[in-house]
Amino acid sequence: MHHRYEGLVDYIADTYRWAAEIGIGPFPDVAWVLAGVGVRVFATDIRPFQHQGLKVLVDDITQPDVSLYTGVDLIYSLRPPSELVPYMERLAREVEATLIVKPLASEYLEGQLTRRGSTTFFLWSHL
């Protein structure tokens, strides 16, 4: 796992017990580390991906199957296209979960800018 995610992983592991990663693509490292430290985690993507030891479901965040996310504490996404963030916000609100987005370095989003260690990310709390 790249060092730019260490603070994010620590924050999630210290704060949440069940998380869903949106748009995992071919990069399962953060989800694997979270699962390894005891966070219950699954991932979704618009395309089917298989990552050993990780549940990955096909779902479209623009028209999500809300039942997949019922009960999660956290919805998070790493470097998503910024136009998808409002859909994630809506889903997080609907299932009463916190949303964390770690954007590309140059993007600034409307969530609460949060820093843990050397990692910055945006947070929306809907609990």
Protein backbone atom coordinates (compact mmCIF):
# COMPACT_ATOMS: atom_id res chain seq x y z
CA MET A 1 0.00 0.00 0.00
CA HIS A 2 1.31 3.42 -0.92
CA HIS A 3 2.27 5.66 2.03
CA ARG A 4 -0.20 8.35 0.95
CA TYR A 5 -3.01 6.13 2.28
CA GLU A 6 -1.51 5.19 5.67
CA GLY A 7 -3.21 7.98 7.62
CA LEU A 8 -6.52 7.23 5.93
CA VAL A 9 -6.28 3.52 6.77
CA ASP A 10 -5.40 4.35 10.39
CA TYR A 11 -8.32 6.77 10.66
CA ILE A 12 -10.81 4.28 9.21
CA ALA A 13 -9.52 1.39 11.33
CA ASP A 14 -9.74 3.51 14.50
CA THR A 15 -13.23 4.86 13.75
CA TYR A 16 -15.34 2.42 11.71
CA ARG A 17 -16.23 -1.25 11.85
CA TRP A 18 -18.01 -1.81 8.49
CA ALA A 19 -17.06 -0.06 5.24
CA ALA A 20 -17.84 -0.12 1.53
CA GLU A 21 -15.28 1.04 -1.03
CA ILE A 22 -16.84 2.59 -4.13
CA GLY A 23 -15.02 2.12 -7.45
CA ILE A 24 -12.31 -0.27 -6.33
CA GLY A 25 -11.10 -1.01 -9.85
CA PRO A 26 -7.83 -2.94 -10.00
CA PHE A 27 -6.50 -1.44 -6.73
CA PRO A 28 -7.62 -3.48 -3.69
CA ASP A 29 -4.71 -2.56 -1.40
CA VAL A 30 -6.59 -0.27 1.01
CA ALA A 31 -9.54 -2.68 1.34
CA TRP A 32 -7.16 -5.59 1.95
CA VAL A 33 -5.32 -3.69 4.68
CA LEU A 34 -8.60 -2.65 6.32
CA ALA A 35 -9.85 -6.23 6.29
CA GLY A 36 -6.54 -7.34 7.75
CA VAL A 37 -6.94 -5.02 10.75
CA GLY A 38 -10.48 -6.14 11.48
CA VAL A 39 -12.67 -3.75 9.51
CA ARG A 40 -15.51 -5.54 7.76
CA VAL A 41 -15.21 -4.31 4.17
CA PHE A 42 -16.62 -4.96 0.73
CA ALA A 43 -16.17 -3.11 -2.54
CA THR A 44 -18.20 -2.14 -5.56
CA ASP A 45 -17.37 -1.15 -9.10
CA ILE A 46 -19.31 -0.64 -12.30
CA ARG A 47 -17.23 -3.46 -13.82
CA PRO A 48 -16.63 -6.92 -12.37
CA PHE A 49 -13.33 -7.24 -10.56
CA GLN A 50 -12.07 -10.18 -8.55
CA HIS A 51 -9.67 -9.66 -5.70
CA GLN A 52 -8.83 -12.73 -3.65
CA GLY A 53 -10.32 -12.59 -0.17
CA LEU A 54 -12.45 -9.51 -0.90
CA LYS A 55 -16.13 -9.34 -1.77
CA VAL A 56 -16.53 -7.13 -4.87
CA LEU A 57 -20.03 -6.41 -6.16
CA VAL A 58 -21.06 -4.83 -9.45
CA ASP A 59 -23.01 -1.65 -8.72
CA ASP A 60 -23.41 1.74 -10.40
CA ILE A 61 -23.07 4.61 -7.91
CA THR A 62 -25.28 6.79 -10.13
CA GLN A 63 -28.13 4.30 -9.60
CA PRO A 64 -27.00 2.26 -6.60
CA ASP A 65 -28.71 -0.76 -5.13
CA VAL A 66 -29.17 0.87 -1.72
CA SER A 67 -29.82 -2.48 -0.05
CA LEU A 68 -26.15 -3.43 -0.59
CA TYR A 69 -25.04 -0.61 1.72
CA THR A 70 -27.62 -0.83 4.49
CA GLY A 71 -25.86 -0.99 7.84
CA VAL A 72 -22.40 0.19 6.76
CA ASP A 73 -20.74 2.84 8.95
CA LEU A 74 -18.61 4.20 6.15
CA ILE A 75 -18.64 4.62 2.39
CA TYR A 76 -15.27 5.61 0.95
CA SER A 77 -13.65 6.12 -2.41
CA LEU A 78 -10.08 6.65 -3.56
CA ARG A 79 -9.44 9.07 -6.41
CA PRO A 80 -12.95 8.92 -7.91
CA PRO A 81 -14.03 11.18 -10.76
CA SER A 82 -15.30 14.32 -9.00
CA GLU A 83 -18.62 14.16 -10.84
CA LEU A 84 -19.44 10.93 -8.96
CA VAL A 85 -18.99 12.45 -5.47
CA PRO A 86 -22.54 13.91 -5.29
CA TYR A 87 -23.93 10.40 -5.92
CA MET A 88 -21.79 9.06 -3.09
CA GLU A 89 -22.99 11.87 -0.83
CA ARG A 90 -26.60 11.00 -1.61
CA LEU A 91 -26.06 7.31 -0.92
CA ALA A 92 -24.23 8.00 2.36
CA ARG A 93 -27.06 10.27 3.49
CA GLU A 94 -29.65 7.65 2.58
CA VAL A 95 -27.98 4.85 4.55
CA GLU A 96 -26.81 7.19 7.34
CA ALA A 97 -23.13 6.45 6.80
CA THR A 98 -20.08 8.68 6.82
CA LEU A 99 -18.49 9.37 3.44
CA ILE A 100 -14.74 9.72 2.95
CA VAL A 101 -13.21 10.66 -0.39
CA LYS A 102 -9.47 10.72 -1.04
CA PRO A 103 -9.36 12.74 -4.28
CA LEU A 104 -6.58 13.38 -6.73
CA ALA A 105 -4.11 15.77 -5.14
CA SER A 106 -5.30 18.75 -7.19
CA GLU A 107 -9.02 18.43 -6.42
CA TYR A 108 -10.84 20.30 -3.67
CA LEU A 109 -14.24 19.01 -2.63
CA GLU A 110 -17.00 20.41 -0.41
CA GLY A 111 -16.60 17.93 2.45
CA GLN A 112 -14.68 18.62 5.64
CA LEU A 113 -10.96 18.59 4.84
CA THR A 114 -9.41 16.14 7.31
CA ARG A 115 -5.80 15.22 7.97
CA ARG A 116 -4.44 12.09 9.66
CA GLY A 117 -0.68 11.76 9.67
CA SER A 118 0.51 12.86 6.25
CA THR A 119 -2.77 11.93 4.56
CA THR A 120 -5.54 14.39 3.72
CA PHE A 121 -9.05 13.44 2.71
CA PHE A 122 -12.57 14.85 2.69
CA LEU A 123 -15.24 13.69 5.12
CA TRP A 124 -19.02 14.04 5.22
CA SER A 125 -20.69 12.80 8.39
CA HIS A 126 -24.31 11.72 8.03
CA LEU A 127 -24.71 9.90 11.34
